Amino acid sequence: MDKIAVLGAGSWGTALSIVLADNGNKVHLWTHKQAQAEEINELHRNERYLDVDLPENIVGFSDLPKAITNVKAIVMVVPTKAIREVSQQLNSILDSRIPIIHASKGIEPGTLKRVSQMLGEELELYNAEDIVVLSGPSHAEEVALRHPTTVTVASLNKENAKVAQELFINEAFRVYTSTDVLGIELGGALKNIIAIGAGISDGLGYGDNAKAALMTRGLAEIARLGTKLGADPLSFLGLSGVGDLIVTCTSVHSRNWRAGNLLGKGHNLDEVLEEMGMVVEGVRTVKAAYQFAEEENVEMPITTGIYQVLFEHQKPKDVVEQLMSRSKREEMDDIAHLLYERYTN
C-alpha cells in the first residue's frame, strides 16, 4: 500500500483523499489543527467540511514532517494564500524529489503568479515545470459520494502527469492529461470570478437568461486573457474551462456562487466572508485578474464590474446596468476568433 500525503484537510482535500483511499493508498491527510486530525482518526469524520464517513486508510496528521514521511507523492490542497508558507516548511523536510500535484485554484494578487509558479519559486528541489495541476468540474461533495466526475491533470513533465493520472483514476473519477499548464490553471482560477457574478445575478432575482449570458461572455473574457498570456484557447473549451465554469456557476455547492448570491441580496463583502466561514478563492482572484487586465491591456468588463462591487462598493444592480449599456459589438470576436487565429496561421 503506497502512502500519499494530502496537505490541506478542507472539503476538496478530504474529497481527493477519499479518491486516493478508494484506490488502495494509505492517505496522510494533514491539517494544522490538531483537533481536526484527532476527529479524522477517532471518528473517521471531517464534519465541518464534508458530511461523509471517511475510509479507515485515511489518517489525520497535524505534524507536517510525519505526514510526508515515506510518501510516494504529495497533493497540495491548501488555500493559495498559504502555498508559499507551506512550501517553505517543506524545504526543511524534503530530501528527495517526489511528484507534487496541486489542486488549488487561484492567482496571487500583486505578483500575478499561478500556483505552479509559486511552488516552483519556493520549493528548492523543484521547478515549476515539474509540478502537476489537477483541475476540472468537481464539487467536493459529489466526489466524496463517488458520483461520476472528470478532471484534467496538466504538467510539462509528462511522466509526472502520468503518475498523477494513475494515482487518481478510477470508475467514478476519470482523469485526462494535458501539457497546457497555463490554460488549465487560468481556467480553474478565473471561472471563480464568473461564479461570483452568477451568484450576484441570482441574488438580484434575475433568471436563466441573465446567467447564461454571463457565463458565455465570462468564458470569452477568460479565453481572451488566457490566450494573450500564451494558453491554448482549446483548453478553455475543455474540462477546466467551460466544464468548471458550468458547475461552479450553477450549483449551491459552489462557495463562489454562494458568496455572490449574498452580495446580490445586499450584503457587503465583510459580511459575506464572515457568513461563509471558509476561503472564497474568487475574491482574491478578482483582484489578480483586474490587475492582469490592466497590465496586459485586455478588455474584461465582467471582471471589472465584479471588482467594483467587491472593492469599490458599487451596487450590483448599477454594475449590471453598466454592462448592459456597453457599446455595440459583434459576438464572434472572441473565442471563435482566437481559435481561427491559432489554428489557421
Protein backbone atom coordinates (compact mmCIF):
# COMPACT_ATOMS: atom_id res chain seq x y z
CA MET A 1 0.00 0.00 0.00
CA ASP A 2 1.56 3.29 -1.16
CA LYS A 3 1.49 6.30 1.15
CA ILE A 4 0.27 9.61 -0.30
CA ALA A 5 0.30 12.91 1.60
CA VAL A 6 -2.59 15.31 1.09
CA LEU A 7 -1.80 18.73 2.53
CA GLY A 8 -4.98 20.60 3.37
CA ALA A 9 -7.97 18.99 5.09
CA GLY A 10 -10.72 21.21 3.78
CA SER A 11 -13.59 19.84 1.69
CA TRP A 12 -11.56 19.42 -1.51
CA GLY A 13 -8.52 17.92 0.19
CA THR A 14 -10.77 15.49 2.04
CA ALA A 15 -12.64 14.51 -1.14
CA LEU A 16 -9.38 13.85 -3.02
CA SER A 17 -8.18 11.80 -0.04
CA ILE A 18 -11.26 9.61 -0.44
CA VAL A 19 -10.43 9.03 -4.11
CA LEU A 20 -6.85 8.08 -3.24
CA ALA A 21 -8.01 5.83 -0.40
CA ASP A 22 -10.51 4.09 -2.68
CA ASN A 23 -7.58 3.34 -5.00
CA GLY A 24 -5.82 1.40 -2.26
CA ASN A 25 -3.45 4.05 -0.93
CA LYS A 26 -2.79 4.96 2.69
CA VAL A 27 -3.54 8.67 2.80
CA HIS A 28 -1.80 11.02 5.22
CA LEU A 29 -4.27 13.93 5.45
CA TRP A 30 -2.51 16.91 7.00
CA THR A 31 -4.16 19.80 8.82
CA HIS A 32 -2.61 22.48 11.00
CA LYS A 33 -5.40 21.85 13.55
CA GLN A 34 -4.72 19.01 15.98
CA ALA A 35 -8.41 18.66 16.92
CA GLN A 36 -9.30 18.13 13.28
CA ALA A 37 -6.66 15.41 12.89
CA GLU A 38 -7.99 13.70 16.02
CA GLU A 39 -11.55 13.79 14.64
CA ILE A 40 -10.35 12.16 11.42
CA ASN A 41 -8.53 9.41 13.32
CA GLU A 42 -11.00 8.73 16.12
CA LEU A 43 -14.35 9.26 14.38
CA HIS A 44 -13.34 8.88 10.71
CA ARG A 45 -15.19 12.13 10.05
CA ASN A 46 -14.34 15.67 8.98
CA GLU A 47 -17.69 17.10 9.96
CA ARG A 48 -17.12 20.78 9.29
CA TYR A 49 -16.26 20.20 5.65
CA LEU A 50 -17.97 17.00 4.42
CA ASP A 51 -20.87 15.01 5.81
CA VAL A 52 -19.50 11.55 4.94
CA ASP A 53 -17.72 8.70 6.69
CA LEU A 54 -14.03 8.51 5.78
CA PRO A 55 -12.24 5.29 4.79
CA GLU A 56 -10.05 3.92 7.57
CA ASN A 57 -6.95 4.18 5.37
CA ILE A 58 -7.17 7.98 5.67
CA VAL A 59 -5.05 9.02 8.65
CA GLY A 60 -5.06 12.54 10.04
CA PHE A 61 -1.83 14.38 10.87
CA SER A 62 -1.14 17.78 12.39
CA ASP A 63 2.63 17.24 12.25
CA LEU A 64 3.90 18.06 8.74
CA PRO A 65 7.21 16.13 8.87
CA LYS A 66 5.38 12.97 9.98
CA ALA A 67 2.70 13.49 7.32
CA ILE A 68 5.18 13.34 4.45
CA THR A 69 7.44 10.58 5.81
CA ASN A 70 7.96 7.84 3.17
CA VAL A 71 5.19 9.10 0.89
CA LYS A 72 5.15 8.39 -2.84
CA ALA A 73 3.60 11.76 -3.79
CA ILE A 74 2.32 14.99 -2.24
CA VAL A 75 -1.03 16.56 -3.11
CA MET A 76 -1.23 20.27 -2.20
CA VAL A 77 -4.77 21.47 -1.49
CA VAL A 78 -4.14 24.41 0.83
CA PRO A 79 -5.60 27.86 0.02
CA THR A 80 -3.47 29.87 -2.41
CA LYS A 81 -2.60 32.38 0.32
CA ALA A 82 -0.90 29.53 2.26
CA ILE A 83 1.01 28.00 -0.67
CA ARG A 84 4.28 29.85 -0.05
CA GLU A 85 4.27 29.29 3.71
CA VAL A 86 3.65 25.55 3.44
CA SER A 87 6.23 25.24 0.64
CA GLN A 88 8.85 26.89 2.82
CA GLN A 89 8.09 24.39 5.58
CA LEU A 90 8.53 21.55 3.09
CA ASN A 91 12.01 22.78 2.18
CA SER A 92 13.31 21.87 5.61
CA ILE A 93 11.80 18.38 5.37
CA LEU A 94 12.04 17.11 1.79
CA ASP A 95 15.35 15.50 0.88
CA SER A 96 14.33 13.94 -2.47
CA ARG A 97 12.12 14.79 -5.42
CA ILE A 98 8.72 13.10 -5.46
CA PRO A 99 5.76 14.12 -7.62
CA ILE A 100 3.88 17.14 -6.32
CA ILE A 101 0.31 17.63 -7.50
CA HIS A 102 -1.63 20.75 -6.61
CA ALA A 103 -5.40 21.15 -6.72
CA SER A 104 -5.67 24.76 -5.53
CA LYS A 105 -7.39 27.26 -7.83
CA GLY A 106 -6.22 30.84 -7.60
CA ILE A 107 -3.79 33.57 -8.64
CA GLU A 108 -1.65 35.53 -6.21
CA PRO A 109 -2.56 39.25 -6.17
CA GLY A 110 0.41 41.56 -6.65
CA THR A 111 2.79 39.01 -8.18
CA LEU A 112 0.10 37.56 -10.51
CA LYS A 113 1.72 34.15 -10.07
CA ARG A 114 -0.16 30.92 -10.62
CA VAL A 115 0.11 28.17 -8.00
CA SER A 116 2.62 26.10 -10.00
CA GLN A 117 4.81 29.20 -10.33
CA MET A 118 4.65 29.86 -6.59
CA LEU A 119 5.58 26.25 -5.87
CA GLY A 120 8.45 26.43 -8.36
CA GLU A 121 9.77 29.58 -6.68
CA GLU A 122 9.51 28.33 -3.11
CA LEU A 123 10.43 24.63 -3.35
CA GLU A 124 14.20 24.31 -3.55
CA LEU A 125 14.20 20.87 -5.21
CA TYR A 126 11.61 21.71 -7.88
CA ASN A 127 10.98 23.83 -10.94
CA ALA A 128 7.51 24.97 -11.93
CA GLU A 129 7.74 22.60 -14.90
CA ASP A 130 7.79 19.61 -12.52
CA ILE A 131 4.52 20.49 -10.79
CA VAL A 132 1.24 18.82 -11.78
CA VAL A 133 -2.06 20.73 -11.61
CA LEU A 134 -5.37 18.91 -11.10
CA SER A 135 -8.46 20.84 -12.19
CA GLY A 136 -11.93 20.39 -13.62
CA PRO A 137 -15.65 20.42 -12.76
CA SER A 138 -15.55 18.69 -9.41
CA HIS A 139 -17.60 19.64 -6.37
CA ALA A 140 -16.06 18.01 -3.30
CA GLU A 141 -19.48 16.99 -2.00
CA GLU A 142 -20.17 14.91 -5.12
CA VAL A 143 -16.67 13.43 -5.36
CA ALA A 144 -17.00 12.28 -1.74
CA LEU A 145 -20.21 10.43 -2.69
CA ARG A 146 -18.43 8.74 -5.63
CA HIS A 147 -20.62 10.49 -8.19
CA PRO A 148 -19.10 10.39 -11.72
CA THR A 149 -16.51 13.15 -12.03
CA THR A 150 -13.97 14.00 -14.73
CA VAL A 151 -10.86 16.18 -14.32
CA THR A 152 -7.62 17.06 -16.07
CA VAL A 153 -4.06 16.78 -14.76
CA ALA A 154 -1.54 19.00 -16.53
CA SER A 155 2.23 19.27 -16.40
CA LEU A 156 5.13 19.99 -18.71
CA ASN A 157 6.67 16.91 -17.09
CA LYS A 158 4.65 14.22 -18.87
CA GLU A 159 5.88 11.45 -16.58
CA ASN A 160 4.65 13.29 -13.50
CA ALA A 161 1.29 13.86 -15.21
CA LYS A 162 1.00 10.13 -15.88
CA VAL A 163 1.81 9.37 -12.23
CA ALA A 164 -0.99 11.72 -11.15
CA GLN A 165 -3.39 10.16 -13.63
CA GLU A 166 -2.65 6.67 -12.31
CA LEU A 167 -2.99 7.77 -8.69
CA PHE A 168 -6.46 9.24 -9.09
CA ILE A 169 -8.25 7.47 -11.94
CA ASN A 170 -10.99 5.01 -11.06
CA GLU A 171 -14.54 4.11 -12.09
CA ALA A 172 -16.02 7.23 -10.50
CA PHE A 173 -13.14 9.65 -11.07
CA ARG A 174 -11.90 9.86 -14.67
CA VAL A 175 -8.64 11.71 -15.33
CA TYR A 176 -7.32 13.16 -18.60
CA THR A 177 -3.82 14.58 -19.17
CA SER A 178 -2.65 17.84 -20.74
CA THR A 179 0.55 19.83 -21.17
CA ASP A 180 -1.18 23.25 -21.17
CA VAL A 181 -0.49 24.08 -17.54
CA LEU A 182 -1.11 27.79 -18.14
CA GLY A 183 -4.54 27.24 -19.66
CA ILE A 184 -5.63 24.65 -17.09
CA GLU A 185 -4.58 26.81 -14.12
CA LEU A 186 -6.08 30.01 -15.53
CA GLY A 187 -9.37 28.32 -16.40
CA GLY A 188 -9.67 26.87 -12.91
CA ALA A 189 -8.88 30.17 -11.23
CA LEU A 190 -10.73 32.67 -13.41
CA LYS A 191 -14.03 30.78 -13.52
CA ASN A 192 -14.42 31.60 -9.81
CA ILE A 193 -14.82 35.25 -10.78
CA ILE A 194 -17.67 34.45 -13.13
CA ALA A 195 -19.23 32.21 -10.47
CA ILE A 196 -19.36 35.18 -8.10
CA GLY A 197 -21.09 37.09 -10.90
CA ALA A 198 -23.57 34.24 -11.41
CA GLY A 199 -24.37 34.28 -7.70
CA ILE A 200 -24.88 38.06 -7.81
CA SER A 201 -27.25 37.62 -10.74
CA ASP A 202 -29.29 35.02 -8.86
CA GLY A 203 -29.23 37.12 -5.69
CA LEU A 204 -30.69 40.03 -7.63
CA GLY A 205 -33.51 37.76 -8.75
CA TYR A 206 -32.55 37.59 -12.42
CA GLY A 207 -33.33 34.40 -14.33
CA ASP A 208 -31.62 31.87 -16.55
CA ASN A 209 -31.27 34.29 -19.48
CA ALA A 210 -29.01 36.59 -17.47
CA LYS A 211 -26.90 33.75 -16.08
CA ALA A 212 -26.45 32.11 -19.49
CA ALA A 213 -25.27 35.41 -20.93
CA LEU A 214 -22.93 35.99 -18.00
CA MET A 215 -21.36 32.54 -18.32
CA THR A 216 -20.93 32.80 -22.10
CA ARG A 217 -19.42 36.25 -22.06
CA GLY A 218 -17.40 35.33 -18.97
CA LEU A 219 -15.85 32.44 -20.86
CA ALA A 220 -14.91 34.89 -23.61
CA GLU A 221 -13.10 37.05 -21.04
CA ILE A 222 -11.24 34.06 -19.61
CA ALA A 223 -10.13 32.94 -23.08
CA ARG A 224 -9.17 36.48 -24.10
CA LEU A 225 -6.81 36.91 -21.16
CA GLY A 226 -5.53 33.34 -21.20
CA THR A 227 -4.68 33.39 -24.88
CA LYS A 228 -2.95 36.75 -24.51
CA LEU A 229 -0.75 35.13 -21.86
CA GLY A 230 0.06 32.15 -24.10
CA ALA A 231 -2.52 29.48 -23.26
CA ASP A 232 -4.12 27.22 -25.86
CA PRO A 233 -7.67 28.53 -26.49
CA LEU A 234 -8.91 24.95 -26.80
CA SER A 235 -8.20 24.44 -23.10
CA PHE A 236 -10.95 26.92 -22.26
CA LEU A 237 -13.44 24.74 -24.15
CA GLY A 238 -12.41 21.71 -22.07
CA LEU A 239 -12.99 20.41 -18.56
CA SER A 240 -11.05 23.09 -16.70
CA GLY A 241 -12.62 25.83 -18.83
CA VAL A 242 -16.26 25.61 -19.82
CA GLY A 243 -16.75 22.44 -17.74
CA ASP A 244 -15.60 24.00 -14.49
CA LEU A 245 -17.40 27.23 -15.37
CA ILE A 246 -20.75 25.45 -15.72
CA VAL A 247 -20.52 23.51 -12.47
CA THR A 248 -19.29 26.48 -10.43
CA CYS A 249 -21.87 28.94 -11.75
CA THR A 250 -24.91 26.71 -11.40
CA SER A 251 -24.60 24.88 -8.09
CA VAL A 252 -25.29 25.78 -4.47
CA HIS A 253 -22.21 23.67 -3.63
CA SER A 254 -20.05 26.48 -5.04
CA ARG A 255 -18.63 28.81 -2.38
CA ASN A 256 -18.06 31.49 -5.01
CA TRP A 257 -21.67 31.29 -6.19
CA ARG A 258 -22.91 31.43 -2.59
CA ALA A 259 -20.73 34.47 -1.88
CA GLY A 260 -22.05 36.22 -4.97
CA ASN A 261 -25.62 35.32 -4.05
CA LEU A 262 -25.23 37.06 -0.69
CA LEU A 263 -23.72 40.10 -2.41
CA GLY A 264 -26.67 40.24 -4.79
CA LYS A 265 -29.02 40.18 -1.82
CA GLY A 266 -27.40 43.31 -0.39
CA HIS A 267 -24.68 42.09 1.96
CA ASN A 268 -21.24 43.71 1.83
CA LEU A 269 -18.02 41.75 1.34
CA ASP A 270 -17.05 41.63 5.03
CA GLU A 271 -20.47 40.29 5.95
CA VAL A 272 -20.29 37.69 3.20
CA LEU A 273 -16.87 36.37 4.23
CA GLU A 274 -17.96 36.19 7.87
CA GLU A 275 -21.13 34.34 6.89
CA MET A 276 -19.23 31.87 4.67
CA GLY A 277 -16.64 30.99 7.31
CA MET A 278 -14.42 29.39 4.64
CA VAL A 279 -11.98 30.59 1.99
CA VAL A 280 -13.63 32.09 -1.10
CA GLU A 281 -10.80 31.91 -3.65
CA GLY A 282 -12.62 34.01 -6.21
CA VAL A 283 -12.35 37.15 -4.09
CA ARG A 284 -8.55 37.13 -4.23
CA THR A 285 -8.63 36.10 -7.88
CA VAL A 286 -10.78 39.11 -8.81
CA LYS A 287 -8.00 41.39 -7.58
CA ALA A 288 -5.38 39.50 -9.57
CA ALA A 289 -7.45 39.31 -12.77
CA TYR A 290 -8.29 43.01 -12.60
CA GLN A 291 -4.57 43.77 -12.31
CA PHE A 292 -3.82 41.34 -15.16
CA ALA A 293 -6.38 43.03 -17.41
CA GLU A 294 -4.88 46.45 -16.81
CA GLU A 295 -1.27 45.35 -17.27
CA GLU A 296 -1.97 43.27 -20.39
CA ASN A 297 -4.49 45.76 -21.83
CA VAL A 298 -7.16 43.06 -22.09
CA GLU A 299 -10.83 44.04 -22.03
CA MET A 300 -12.59 42.23 -19.13
CA PRO A 301 -15.80 44.15 -18.37
CA ILE A 302 -17.42 41.45 -16.22
CA THR A 303 -14.31 41.08 -14.08
CA THR A 304 -14.09 44.87 -13.78
CA GLY A 305 -17.73 45.07 -12.70
CA ILE A 306 -17.30 42.42 -10.02
CA TYR A 307 -14.14 44.18 -8.81
CA GLN A 308 -16.19 47.36 -8.44
CA VAL A 309 -18.81 45.52 -6.38
CA LEU A 310 -16.25 43.84 -4.11
CA PHE A 311 -13.73 46.61 -3.57
CA GLU A 312 -15.26 49.92 -4.69
CA HIS A 313 -18.66 49.48 -3.01
CA GLN A 314 -20.63 49.74 -6.24
CA LYS A 315 -24.19 48.43 -6.10
CA PRO A 316 -24.55 45.14 -8.03
CA LYS A 317 -27.63 46.39 -9.92
CA ASP A 318 -25.76 49.51 -11.07
CA VAL A 319 -22.92 47.34 -12.40
CA VAL A 320 -25.39 45.16 -14.32
CA GLU A 321 -26.87 48.28 -15.93
CA GLN A 322 -23.38 49.41 -16.93
CA LEU A 323 -22.66 46.05 -18.56
CA MET A 324 -25.97 46.02 -20.43
CA SER A 325 -25.41 49.54 -21.81
CA ARG A 326 -21.92 48.95 -23.23
CA SER A 327 -21.28 49.90 -26.85
CA LYS A 328 -22.45 47.60 -29.64
CA ARG A 329 -20.10 44.93 -31.00
CA GLU A 330 -20.08 41.60 -32.83
CA GLU A 331 -20.30 38.39 -30.80
CA MET A 332 -17.84 36.18 -32.68
CA ASP A 333 -14.84 38.37 -31.94
CA ASP A 334 -13.59 36.33 -29.02
CA ILE A 335 -13.15 32.55 -28.74
CA ALA A 336 -14.02 31.84 -32.37
CA HIS A 337 -11.53 34.49 -33.49
CA LEU A 338 -8.85 33.20 -31.12
CA LEU A 339 -9.26 29.67 -32.42
CA TYR A 340 -9.18 30.86 -36.02
CA GLU A 341 -6.01 32.86 -35.45
CA ARG A 342 -4.35 29.99 -33.57
CA TYR A 343 -5.07 27.19 -36.00
CA THR A 344 -5.06 28.85 -39.43
CA ASN A 345 -1.80 30.79 -39.22
